[in-house]
Protein backbone atom coordinates (compact mmCIF):
# COMPACT_ATOMS: atom_id res chain seq x y z
CA UNK A 1 0.00 0.00 0.00
CA UNK A 2 2.75 2.44 0.93
CA UNK A 3 4.73 1.62 -2.20
CA UNK A 4 1.69 2.32 -4.40
CA UNK A 5 1.06 5.63 -2.67
CA UNK A 6 4.69 6.60 -3.10
CA UNK A 7 4.56 5.82 -6.82
CA UNK A 8 1.44 7.97 -7.19
CA UNK A 9 3.05 10.83 -5.25
CA UNK A 10 6.26 10.67 -7.27
CA UNK A 11 4.34 10.61 -10.52
CA UNK A 12 2.34 13.65 -9.46
CA UNK A 13 4.99 15.74 -7.64
CA UNK A 14 8.34 14.21 -8.62
CA UNK A 15 9.50 16.99 -10.93
CA UNK A 16 8.48 19.64 -8.44
CA UNK A 17 10.37 17.93 -5.60
CA UNK A 18 13.46 17.46 -7.76
CA UNK A 19 13.32 21.10 -8.83
CA UNK A 20 12.99 22.29 -5.25
CA UNK A 21 15.97 20.24 -4.09
CA UNK A 22 18.19 21.13 -7.04
CA UNK A 23 17.23 24.81 -6.84
CA UNK A 24 17.88 24.95 -3.11
CA UNK A 25 21.30 23.38 -3.60
CA UNK A 26 22.04 25.79 -6.43
CA UNK A 27 20.93 28.78 -4.38
CA UNK A 28 23.10 27.78 -1.47
CA UNK A 29 26.09 27.17 -3.72
CA UNK A 30 25.53 30.56 -5.33
CA UNK A 31 25.59 32.21 -1.90
CA UNK A 32 28.66 30.22 -0.88
CA UNK A 33 30.85 30.82 -3.94
CA UNK A 34 29.51 34.02 -5.53
CA UNK A 35 27.43 35.73 -2.86
CA UNK A 36 27.49 39.37 -1.95
CA UNK A 37 30.50 40.58 0.00
CA UNK A 38 29.02 43.95 0.99
CA UNK A 39 25.71 42.61 2.29
CA UNK A 40 23.72 45.07 0.18
CA UNK A 41 22.23 42.39 -2.10
CA UNK A 42 18.88 41.35 -0.58
CA UNK A 43 18.85 37.83 -2.05
CA UNK A 44 22.51 36.83 -1.98
CA UNK A 45 23.37 38.45 1.37
CA UNK A 46 22.20 35.49 3.47
CA UNK A 47 22.24 31.75 2.79
CA UNK A 48 18.55 31.45 3.69
CA UNK A 49 17.43 34.00 1.14
CA UNK A 50 19.41 32.57 -1.73
CA UNK A 51 18.41 28.99 -0.83
CA UNK A 52 14.70 29.84 -0.72
CA UNK A 53 14.84 31.78 -3.97
CA UNK A 54 16.82 29.03 -5.64
CA UNK A 55 14.27 26.44 -4.51
CA UNK A 56 11.40 28.56 -5.81
CA UNK A 57 13.01 29.09 -9.21
CA UNK A 58 14.04 25.42 -9.48
CA UNK A 59 10.55 24.23 -8.54
CA UNK A 60 8.90 26.54 -11.04
CA UNK A 61 11.34 25.62 -13.79
CA UNK A 62 11.08 21.84 -13.50
CA UNK A 63 7.35 21.77 -12.77
CA UNK A 64 6.78 23.56 -16.08
CA UNK A 65 7.87 20.37 -17.88
CA UNK A 66 4.99 18.33 -16.43
CA UNK A 67 2.71 16.95 -19.11
CA UNK A 68 -0.84 18.20 -19.08
CA UNK A 69 -3.74 15.81 -18.99
CA UNK A 70 -5.64 15.57 -22.25
CA UNK A 71 -9.39 15.78 -22.00
CA UNK A 72 -11.42 14.55 -24.95
C-alpha atoms as a PDB file:
ATOM      1  CA  UNK A   1       0.000   0.000   0.000  1.00  0.00           C
ATOM      2  CA  UNK A   2       2.748   2.436   0.935  1.00  0.00           C
ATOM      3  CA  UNK A   3       4.728   1.624  -2.199  1.00  0.00           C
ATOM      4  CA  UNK A   4       1.694   2.315  -4.401  1.00  0.00           C
ATOM      5  CA  UNK A   5       1.064   5.628  -2.665  1.00  0.00           C
ATOM      6  CA  UNK A   6       4.694   6.600  -3.102  1.00  0.00           C
ATOM      7  CA  UNK A   7       4.556   5.824  -6.823  1.00  0.00           C
ATOM      8  CA  UNK A   8       1.445   7.966  -7.194  1.00  0.00           C
ATOM      9  CA  UNK A   9       3.048  10.829  -5.248  1.00  0.00           C
ATOM     10  CA  UNK A  10       6.264  10.669  -7.268  1.00  0.00           C
ATOM     11  CA  UNK A  11       4.343  10.613 -10.519  1.00  0.00           C
ATOM     12  CA  UNK A  12       2.342  13.650  -9.455  1.00  0.00           C
ATOM     13  CA  UNK A  13       4.987  15.742  -7.639  1.00  0.00           C
ATOM     14  CA  UNK A  14       8.344  14.213  -8.617  1.00  0.00           C
ATOM     15  CA  UNK A  15       9.503  16.989 -10.931  1.00  0.00           C
ATOM     16  CA  UNK A  16       8.479  19.642  -8.435  1.00  0.00           C
ATOM     17  CA  UNK A  17      10.374  17.934  -5.603  1.00  0.00           C
ATOM     18  CA  UNK A  18      13.455  17.459  -7.763  1.00  0.00           C
ATOM     19  CA  UNK A  19      13.324  21.103  -8.834  1.00  0.00           C
ATOM     20  CA  UNK A  20      12.988  22.292  -5.254  1.00  0.00           C
ATOM     21  CA  UNK A  21      15.970  20.241  -4.089  1.00  0.00           C
ATOM     22  CA  UNK A  22      18.186  21.135  -7.044  1.00  0.00           C
ATOM     23  CA  UNK A  23      17.232  24.809  -6.840  1.00  0.00           C
ATOM     24  CA  UNK A  24      17.880  24.955  -3.109  1.00  0.00           C
ATOM     25  CA  UNK A  25      21.298  23.380  -3.595  1.00  0.00           C
ATOM     26  CA  UNK A  26      22.044  25.788  -6.429  1.00  0.00           C
ATOM     27  CA  UNK A  27      20.931  28.784  -4.380  1.00  0.00           C
ATOM     28  CA  UNK A  28      23.105  27.781  -1.465  1.00  0.00           C
ATOM     29  CA  UNK A  29      26.093  27.170  -3.715  1.00  0.00           C
ATOM     30  CA  UNK A  30      25.528  30.564  -5.327  1.00  0.00           C
ATOM     31  CA  UNK A  31      25.594  32.210  -1.904  1.00  0.00           C
ATOM     32  CA  UNK A  32      28.662  30.217  -0.876  1.00  0.00           C
ATOM     33  CA  UNK A  33      30.852  30.821  -3.936  1.00  0.00           C
ATOM     34  CA  UNK A  34      29.510  34.018  -5.528  1.00  0.00           C
ATOM     35  CA  UNK A  35      27.427  35.734  -2.863  1.00  0.00           C
ATOM     36  CA  UNK A  36      27.492  39.370  -1.955  1.00  0.00           C
ATOM     37  CA  UNK A  37      30.499  40.577   0.001  1.00  0.00           C
ATOM     38  CA  UNK A  38      29.021  43.951   0.989  1.00  0.00           C
ATOM     39  CA  UNK A  39      25.708  42.614   2.289  1.00  0.00           C
ATOM     40  CA  UNK A  40      23.721  45.067   0.177  1.00  0.00           C
ATOM     41  CA  UNK A  41      22.228  42.391  -2.098  1.00  0.00           C
ATOM     42  CA  UNK A  42      18.884  41.347  -0.581  1.00  0.00           C
ATOM     43  CA  UNK A  43      18.847  37.828  -2.045  1.00  0.00           C
ATOM     44  CA  UNK A  44      22.510  36.835  -1.983  1.00  0.00           C
ATOM     45  CA  UNK A  45      23.373  38.446   1.368  1.00  0.00           C
ATOM     46  CA  UNK A  46      22.199  35.488   3.467  1.00  0.00           C
ATOM     47  CA  UNK A  47      22.237  31.752   2.793  1.00  0.00           C
ATOM     48  CA  UNK A  48      18.549  31.449   3.690  1.00  0.00           C
ATOM     49  CA  UNK A  49      17.431  34.001   1.136  1.00  0.00           C
ATOM     50  CA  UNK A  50      19.414  32.566  -1.732  1.00  0.00           C
ATOM     51  CA  UNK A  51      18.411  28.993  -0.828  1.00  0.00           C
ATOM     52  CA  UNK A  52      14.695  29.844  -0.720  1.00  0.00           C
ATOM     53  CA  UNK A  53      14.837  31.783  -3.975  1.00  0.00           C
ATOM     54  CA  UNK A  54      16.822  29.028  -5.643  1.00  0.00           C
ATOM     55  CA  UNK A  55      14.270  26.440  -4.507  1.00  0.00           C
ATOM     56  CA  UNK A  56      11.403  28.564  -5.815  1.00  0.00           C
ATOM     57  CA  UNK A  57      13.012  29.092  -9.212  1.00  0.00           C
ATOM     58  CA  UNK A  58      14.041  25.424  -9.484  1.00  0.00           C
ATOM     59  CA  UNK A  59      10.551  24.228  -8.542  1.00  0.00           C
ATOM     60  CA  UNK A  60       8.902  26.537 -11.041  1.00  0.00           C
ATOM     61  CA  UNK A  61      11.339  25.624 -13.785  1.00  0.00           C
ATOM     62  CA  UNK A  62      11.079  21.839 -13.496  1.00  0.00           C
ATOM     63  CA  UNK A  63       7.354  21.765 -12.773  1.00  0.00           C
ATOM     64  CA  UNK A  64       6.785  23.563 -16.078  1.00  0.00           C
ATOM     65  CA  UNK A  65       7.871  20.366 -17.881  1.00  0.00           C
ATOM     66  CA  UNK A  66       4.992  18.326 -16.435  1.00  0.00           C
ATOM     67  CA  UNK A  67       2.715  16.948 -19.109  1.00  0.00           C
ATOM     68  CA  UNK A  68      -0.842  18.204 -19.082  1.00  0.00           C
ATOM     69  CA  UNK A  69      -3.739  15.811 -18.986  1.00  0.00           C
ATOM     70  CA  UNK A  70      -5.639  15.574 -22.250  1.00  0.00           C
ATOM     71  CA  UNK A  71      -9.389  15.777 -21.999  1.00  0.00           C
ATOM     72  CA  UNK A  72     -11.424  14.551 -24.946  1.00  0.00           C
END
